[in-house]
Amino acid sequence: MEVHTKKAIKTGFFSAIGFAITTVSLDYYNNNKLEIWGLLFKILFFGVFMSIYFNYIFKKEGK
């Protein structure tokens, strides 16, 4: 696995954790019911999308 791919996966993972914390805190603030499966789906989708995005950006920077 190339260096920029590892970096993109790590960055995507940490951005998904930040997204999860933000989403849960906003739901708590608005007194919404916490739906675990919906939250996990959003986190997974966000993490994959951000990993793909960062992989493209880091690969472009390396050239």
N, C-alpha and C. Protein backbone atom coordinates (compact mmCIF):
# COMPACT_ATOMS: atom_id res chain seq x y z
N MET A 1 0.84 -1.16 0.00
CA MET A 1 0.00 0.00 0.00
C MET A 1 0.90 1.24 0.00
N GLU A 2 0.54 2.18 -0.82
CA GLU A 2 1.35 3.38 -0.96
C GLU A 2 1.14 4.32 0.23
N VAL A 3 2.08 5.23 0.40
CA VAL A 3 2.06 6.14 1.54
C VAL A 3 0.83 7.05 1.50
N HIS A 4 0.50 7.58 0.33
CA HIS A 4 -0.63 8.50 0.25
C HIS A 4 -1.95 7.77 0.50
N THR A 5 -2.02 6.48 0.20
CA THR A 5 -3.24 5.71 0.47
C THR A 5 -3.43 5.50 1.97
N LYS A 6 -2.35 5.17 2.66
CA LYS A 6 -2.44 5.01 4.12
C LYS A 6 -2.83 6.32 4.79
N LYS A 7 -2.24 7.40 4.32
CA LYS A 7 -2.54 8.72 4.87
C LYS A 7 -4.00 9.10 4.61
N ALA A 8 -4.52 8.75 3.44
CA ALA A 8 -5.90 9.06 3.10
C ALA A 8 -6.87 8.26 3.96
N ILE A 9 -6.57 6.99 4.22
CA ILE A 9 -7.43 6.15 5.05
C ILE A 9 -7.46 6.67 6.48
N LYS A 10 -6.30 7.02 7.02
CA LYS A 10 -6.24 7.56 8.38
C LYS A 10 -7.01 8.88 8.48
N THR A 11 -6.82 9.76 7.53
CA THR A 11 -7.50 11.05 7.54
C THR A 11 -9.00 10.87 7.39
N GLY A 12 -9.42 9.97 6.51
CA GLY A 12 -10.85 9.69 6.36
C GLY A 12 -11.46 9.12 7.62
N PHE A 13 -10.73 8.25 8.32
CA PHE A 13 -11.20 7.65 9.56
C PHE A 13 -11.37 8.72 10.64
N PHE A 14 -10.38 9.59 10.80
CA PHE A 14 -10.47 10.62 11.82
C PHE A 14 -11.52 11.67 11.49
N SER A 15 -11.72 11.97 10.22
CA SER A 15 -12.78 12.91 9.86
C SER A 15 -14.16 12.29 10.11
N ALA A 16 -14.30 10.97 9.94
CA ALA A 16 -15.55 10.29 10.24
C ALA A 16 -15.83 10.31 11.74
N ILE A 17 -14.79 10.18 12.57
CA ILE A 17 -14.96 10.27 14.02
C ILE A 17 -15.43 11.68 14.41
N GLY A 18 -14.83 12.68 13.81
CA GLY A 18 -15.26 14.06 14.07
C GLY A 18 -16.69 14.30 13.63
N PHE A 19 -17.06 13.72 12.50
CA PHE A 19 -18.44 13.82 12.01
C PHE A 19 -19.40 13.15 12.99
N ALA A 20 -19.01 12.00 13.53
CA ALA A 20 -19.85 11.28 14.49
C ALA A 20 -20.06 12.09 15.75
N ILE A 21 -19.00 12.67 16.26
CA ILE A 21 -19.10 13.48 17.48
C ILE A 21 -20.01 14.67 17.24
N THR A 22 -19.86 15.32 16.11
CA THR A 22 -20.69 16.47 15.78
C THR A 22 -22.16 16.07 15.63
N THR A 23 -22.42 14.98 14.93
CA THR A 23 -23.78 14.53 14.72
C THR A 23 -24.46 14.14 16.02
N VAL A 24 -23.77 13.41 16.87
CA VAL A 24 -24.35 13.00 18.15
C VAL A 24 -24.60 14.21 19.04
N SER A 25 -23.67 15.15 19.06
CA SER A 25 -23.86 16.33 19.90
C SER A 25 -25.02 17.20 19.41
N LEU A 26 -25.18 17.32 18.10
CA LEU A 26 -26.33 18.08 17.57
C LEU A 26 -27.64 17.37 17.86
N ASP A 27 -27.68 16.06 17.76
CA ASP A 27 -28.89 15.31 18.09
C ASP A 27 -29.23 15.45 19.57
N TYR A 28 -28.22 15.42 20.42
CA TYR A 28 -28.43 15.58 21.85
C TYR A 28 -28.94 16.99 22.16
N TYR A 29 -28.38 17.98 21.51
CA TYR A 29 -28.77 19.37 21.73
C TYR A 29 -30.22 19.61 21.30
N ASN A 30 -30.63 18.98 20.20
CA ASN A 30 -31.99 19.16 19.67
C ASN A 30 -32.99 18.19 20.27
N ASN A 31 -32.57 17.39 21.24
CA ASN A 31 -33.42 16.39 21.90
C ASN A 31 -34.00 15.38 20.92
N ASN A 32 -33.24 15.04 19.90
CA ASN A 32 -33.66 14.00 18.95
C ASN A 32 -33.28 12.63 19.47
N LYS A 33 -34.03 11.63 19.02
CA LYS A 33 -33.73 10.26 19.41
C LYS A 33 -32.48 9.80 18.65
N LEU A 34 -31.58 9.12 19.33
CA LEU A 34 -30.34 8.64 18.72
C LEU A 34 -30.61 7.31 18.01
N GLU A 35 -30.43 7.30 16.71
CA GLU A 35 -30.62 6.09 15.92
C GLU A 35 -29.24 5.56 15.54
N ILE A 36 -28.87 4.44 16.14
CA ILE A 36 -27.52 3.90 15.95
C ILE A 36 -27.28 3.49 14.51
N TRP A 37 -28.22 2.77 13.90
CA TRP A 37 -28.00 2.27 12.53
C TRP A 37 -27.91 3.40 11.51
N GLY A 38 -28.72 4.42 11.69
CA GLY A 38 -28.63 5.57 10.80
C GLY A 38 -27.33 6.31 10.97
N LEU A 39 -26.89 6.44 12.22
CA LEU A 39 -25.62 7.10 12.51
C LEU A 39 -24.45 6.31 11.93
N LEU A 40 -24.47 4.99 12.11
CA LEU A 40 -23.39 4.16 11.56
C LEU A 40 -23.34 4.23 10.04
N PHE A 41 -24.50 4.25 9.40
CA PHE A 41 -24.53 4.36 7.95
C PHE A 41 -23.94 5.70 7.49
N LYS A 42 -24.34 6.78 8.15
CA LYS A 42 -23.81 8.10 7.78
C LYS A 42 -22.30 8.18 8.00
N ILE A 43 -21.82 7.60 9.11
CA ILE A 43 -20.38 7.62 9.41
C ILE A 43 -19.62 6.80 8.37
N LEU A 44 -20.13 5.63 8.05
CA LEU A 44 -19.47 4.78 7.06
C LEU A 44 -19.43 5.46 5.69
N PHE A 45 -20.55 6.01 5.27
CA PHE A 45 -20.62 6.70 3.98
C PHE A 45 -19.68 7.90 3.96
N PHE A 46 -19.70 8.69 5.03
CA PHE A 46 -18.84 9.87 5.12
C PHE A 46 -17.37 9.48 5.12
N GLY A 47 -17.02 8.44 5.89
CA GLY A 47 -15.64 8.00 5.98
C GLY A 47 -15.10 7.49 4.65
N VAL A 48 -15.91 6.70 3.94
CA VAL A 48 -15.49 6.19 2.63
C VAL A 48 -15.34 7.34 1.63
N PHE A 49 -16.31 8.24 1.61
CA PHE A 49 -16.24 9.37 0.69
C PHE A 49 -15.02 10.25 0.96
N MET A 50 -14.75 10.53 2.24
CA MET A 50 -13.61 11.37 2.57
C MET A 50 -12.29 10.67 2.29
N SER A 51 -12.23 9.36 2.48
CA SER A 51 -11.01 8.61 2.16
C SER A 51 -10.72 8.67 0.67
N ILE A 52 -11.74 8.52 -0.14
CA ILE A 52 -11.57 8.61 -1.60
C ILE A 52 -11.12 10.03 -1.99
N TYR A 53 -11.75 11.02 -1.39
CA TYR A 53 -11.39 12.41 -1.68
C TYR A 53 -9.95 12.71 -1.29
N PHE A 54 -9.56 12.33 -0.07
CA PHE A 54 -8.20 12.60 0.39
C PHE A 54 -7.17 11.79 -0.40
N ASN A 55 -7.53 10.59 -0.83
CA ASN A 55 -6.61 9.81 -1.66
C ASN A 55 -6.33 10.55 -2.96
N TYR A 56 -7.36 11.11 -3.56
CA TYR A 56 -7.18 11.89 -4.79
C TYR A 56 -6.30 13.12 -4.54
N ILE A 57 -6.58 13.84 -3.45
CA ILE A 57 -5.81 15.05 -3.13
C ILE A 57 -4.35 14.73 -2.84
N PHE A 58 -4.10 13.71 -2.00
CA PHE A 58 -2.72 13.37 -1.65
C PHE A 58 -1.96 12.81 -2.85
N LYS A 59 -2.64 12.08 -3.70
CA LYS A 59 -1.99 11.54 -4.90
C LYS A 59 -1.61 12.68 -5.84
N LYS A 60 -2.49 13.68 -5.93
CA LYS A 60 -2.22 14.84 -6.79
C LYS A 60 -1.07 15.68 -6.24
N GLU A 61 -0.98 15.79 -4.91
CA GLU A 61 0.13 16.54 -4.30
C GLU A 61 1.47 15.87 -4.53
N GLY A 62 1.47 14.55 -4.58
CA GLY A 62 2.72 13.81 -4.74
C GLY A 62 3.33 13.92 -6.12
N LYS A 63 2.54 14.27 -7.11
CA LYS A 63 3.06 14.36 -8.47
C LYS A 63 3.78 15.63 -8.74
